[in-house]
N, C-alpha and C. Protein backbone atom coordinates (compact mmCIF):
# COMPACT_ATOMS: atom_id res chain seq x y z
N MET A 1 0.84 -1.19 0.00
CA MET A 1 0.00 0.00 0.00
C MET A 1 0.87 1.24 0.00
N ASN A 2 0.55 2.15 -0.85
CA ASN A 2 1.31 3.37 -0.97
C ASN A 2 1.06 4.34 0.18
N ASP A 3 -0.17 4.33 0.72
CA ASP A 3 -0.52 5.25 1.79
C ASP A 3 -0.39 4.62 3.17
N SER A 4 0.32 3.51 3.26
CA SER A 4 0.47 2.84 4.54
C SER A 4 1.34 3.68 5.47
N PRO A 5 1.06 3.62 6.77
CA PRO A 5 1.83 4.41 7.73
C PRO A 5 3.29 3.97 7.78
N LYS A 6 4.15 4.92 8.01
CA LYS A 6 5.59 4.65 7.97
C LYS A 6 6.22 4.57 9.36
N SER A 7 5.94 5.53 10.23
CA SER A 7 6.57 5.53 11.55
C SER A 7 5.88 4.53 12.47
N PRO A 8 6.58 4.06 13.49
CA PRO A 8 5.95 3.11 14.42
C PRO A 8 4.66 3.67 15.04
N GLN A 9 4.67 4.95 15.42
CA GLN A 9 3.47 5.52 16.02
C GLN A 9 2.32 5.59 15.03
N GLU A 10 2.61 5.89 13.77
CA GLU A 10 1.56 5.88 12.74
C GLU A 10 1.04 4.47 12.52
N GLN A 11 1.94 3.49 12.53
CA GLN A 11 1.53 2.10 12.35
C GLN A 11 0.61 1.65 13.47
N ILE A 12 0.97 1.97 14.70
CA ILE A 12 0.16 1.56 15.84
C ILE A 12 -1.20 2.22 15.81
N ARG A 13 -1.22 3.51 15.53
CA ARG A 13 -2.51 4.21 15.45
C ARG A 13 -3.37 3.62 14.33
N TYR A 14 -2.77 3.35 13.18
CA TYR A 14 -3.49 2.78 12.04
C TYR A 14 -4.08 1.42 12.40
N ILE A 15 -3.30 0.59 13.05
CA ILE A 15 -3.77 -0.75 13.46
C ILE A 15 -4.94 -0.61 14.43
N ARG A 16 -4.79 0.24 15.44
CA ARG A 16 -5.86 0.41 16.42
C ARG A 16 -7.12 0.94 15.75
N GLU A 17 -6.98 1.97 14.93
CA GLU A 17 -8.15 2.57 14.28
C GLU A 17 -8.82 1.59 13.33
N SER A 18 -8.05 0.67 12.74
CA SER A 18 -8.64 -0.29 11.82
C SER A 18 -9.58 -1.27 12.53
N THR A 19 -9.43 -1.39 13.85
CA THR A 19 -10.31 -2.28 14.62
C THR A 19 -11.63 -1.61 14.95
N GLY A 20 -11.67 -0.29 14.88
CA GLY A 20 -12.87 0.44 15.27
C GLY A 20 -12.99 0.61 16.78
N LEU A 21 -11.97 0.17 17.51
CA LEU A 21 -12.00 0.28 18.97
C LEU A 21 -11.43 1.62 19.42
N SER A 22 -11.95 2.11 20.52
CA SER A 22 -11.35 3.29 21.14
C SER A 22 -9.99 2.89 21.70
N ARG A 23 -9.22 3.87 22.06
CA ARG A 23 -7.90 3.58 22.64
C ARG A 23 -8.07 2.76 23.93
N ILE A 24 -9.04 3.14 24.75
CA ILE A 24 -9.27 2.43 26.01
C ILE A 24 -9.68 0.98 25.76
N ALA A 25 -10.62 0.77 24.85
CA ALA A 25 -11.09 -0.59 24.55
C ALA A 25 -9.97 -1.44 23.96
N PHE A 26 -9.17 -0.87 23.07
CA PHE A 26 -8.06 -1.59 22.46
C PHE A 26 -7.06 -2.00 23.54
N CYS A 27 -6.74 -1.08 24.43
CA CYS A 27 -5.78 -1.38 25.49
C CYS A 27 -6.29 -2.48 26.41
N LYS A 28 -7.57 -2.45 26.72
CA LYS A 28 -8.14 -3.50 27.57
C LYS A 28 -8.10 -4.85 26.86
N LYS A 29 -8.47 -4.85 25.59
CA LYS A 29 -8.51 -6.11 24.84
C LYS A 29 -7.13 -6.74 24.71
N TYR A 30 -6.12 -5.92 24.46
CA TYR A 30 -4.77 -6.45 24.22
C TYR A 30 -3.82 -6.27 25.40
N ASP A 31 -4.40 -5.89 26.54
CA ASP A 31 -3.63 -5.80 27.79
C ASP A 31 -2.40 -4.90 27.66
N ILE A 32 -2.65 -3.70 27.15
CA ILE A 32 -1.58 -2.70 27.00
C ILE A 32 -1.93 -1.54 27.92
N PRO A 33 -1.00 -1.07 28.73
CA PRO A 33 -1.30 0.09 29.57
C PRO A 33 -1.71 1.29 28.71
N LEU A 34 -2.78 1.95 29.13
CA LEU A 34 -3.30 3.09 28.37
C LEU A 34 -2.24 4.17 28.18
N ARG A 35 -1.51 4.49 29.22
CA ARG A 35 -0.47 5.53 29.14
C ARG A 35 0.58 5.16 28.09
N THR A 36 0.95 3.90 28.03
CA THR A 36 1.92 3.45 27.03
C THR A 36 1.39 3.67 25.64
N MET A 37 0.13 3.30 25.39
CA MET A 37 -0.46 3.48 24.07
C MET A 37 -0.53 4.96 23.72
N GLU A 38 -0.91 5.79 24.66
CA GLU A 38 -0.98 7.24 24.42
C GLU A 38 0.40 7.78 24.03
N GLU A 39 1.41 7.35 24.73
CA GLU A 39 2.76 7.83 24.45
C GLU A 39 3.29 7.31 23.13
N TRP A 40 2.97 6.06 22.77
CA TRP A 40 3.38 5.53 21.47
C TRP A 40 2.71 6.29 20.35
N GLU A 41 1.40 6.48 20.46
CA GLU A 41 0.66 7.14 19.38
C GLU A 41 1.03 8.61 19.23
N SER A 42 1.41 9.25 20.32
CA SER A 42 1.76 10.67 20.25
C SER A 42 3.21 10.88 19.81
N GLY A 43 4.00 9.81 19.86
CA GLY A 43 5.41 9.92 19.49
C GLY A 43 6.32 10.31 20.64
N ARG A 44 5.76 10.42 21.85
CA ARG A 44 6.62 10.75 23.00
C ARG A 44 7.53 9.59 23.37
N ARG A 45 7.10 8.37 23.04
CA ARG A 45 7.94 7.18 23.23
C ARG A 45 7.88 6.37 21.94
N THR A 46 8.97 5.71 21.63
CA THR A 46 9.02 4.85 20.45
C THR A 46 8.92 3.41 20.92
N PRO A 47 7.94 2.67 20.38
CA PRO A 47 7.81 1.28 20.80
C PRO A 47 8.94 0.43 20.24
N PRO A 48 9.22 -0.71 20.87
CA PRO A 48 10.18 -1.64 20.28
C PRO A 48 9.73 -2.00 18.87
N GLU A 49 10.66 -2.32 18.03
CA GLU A 49 10.40 -2.57 16.62
C GLU A 49 9.36 -3.66 16.37
N TYR A 50 9.31 -4.65 17.25
CA TYR A 50 8.39 -5.77 17.03
C TYR A 50 6.93 -5.45 17.38
N ILE A 51 6.67 -4.39 18.12
CA ILE A 51 5.32 -4.12 18.60
C ILE A 51 4.31 -3.89 17.47
N PRO A 52 4.58 -3.04 16.49
CA PRO A 52 3.59 -2.90 15.41
C PRO A 52 3.30 -4.23 14.69
N ARG A 53 4.33 -5.03 14.47
CA ARG A 53 4.13 -6.34 13.82
C ARG A 53 3.28 -7.26 14.68
N MET A 54 3.56 -7.27 15.98
CA MET A 54 2.81 -8.12 16.89
C MET A 54 1.35 -7.70 16.95
N LEU A 55 1.09 -6.40 17.06
CA LEU A 55 -0.30 -5.93 17.10
C LEU A 55 -1.02 -6.23 15.79
N TYR A 56 -0.33 -6.06 14.68
CA TYR A 56 -0.93 -6.38 13.39
C TYR A 56 -1.34 -7.86 13.35
N TYR A 57 -0.48 -8.72 13.83
CA TYR A 57 -0.76 -10.15 13.84
C TYR A 57 -1.97 -10.45 14.72
N TYR A 58 -2.00 -9.89 15.94
CA TYR A 58 -3.12 -10.11 16.86
C TYR A 58 -4.44 -9.67 16.23
N VAL A 59 -4.42 -8.49 15.62
CA VAL A 59 -5.65 -7.96 15.03
C VAL A 59 -6.06 -8.76 13.80
N ARG A 60 -5.12 -9.06 12.95
CA ARG A 60 -5.45 -9.75 11.69
C ARG A 60 -5.90 -11.19 11.90
N TYR A 61 -5.23 -11.90 12.77
CA TYR A 61 -5.51 -13.32 12.94
C TYR A 61 -6.34 -13.66 14.17
N GLY A 62 -6.75 -12.65 14.88
CA GLY A 62 -7.64 -12.87 16.01
C GLY A 62 -6.98 -13.46 17.24
N SER A 63 -5.67 -13.51 17.23
CA SER A 63 -4.97 -14.01 18.41
C SER A 63 -4.95 -12.92 19.46
N GLU A 64 -4.97 -13.34 20.70
CA GLU A 64 -4.88 -12.40 21.80
C GLU A 64 -3.83 -12.90 22.76
N PRO A 65 -3.20 -11.99 23.47
CA PRO A 65 -2.19 -12.41 24.44
C PRO A 65 -2.81 -13.36 25.46
N GLU A 66 -2.01 -14.28 25.92
CA GLU A 66 -2.48 -15.21 26.95
C GLU A 66 -2.69 -14.46 28.25
N GLY A 67 -3.83 -14.68 28.86
CA GLY A 67 -4.14 -14.06 30.16
C GLY A 67 -3.48 -14.83 31.27
N GLU A 68 -3.96 -14.60 32.43
CA GLU A 68 -3.39 -15.21 33.63
C GLU A 68 -3.31 -16.71 33.55
């Protein structure tokens, strides 16, 4: 895709928005601290390189992190 997001924060925001979930709902579903997601999406923190790929996989294939 030519218009695909390039930076990690753009990728994360794009993945989350593609689910139709709010930031809070996405964080609850995938067990991500809300503050972390806010900082990743705003660019105040850069996520590890694997995070956008991992979130893409979870969203695309319906896998979710293992709970307790």
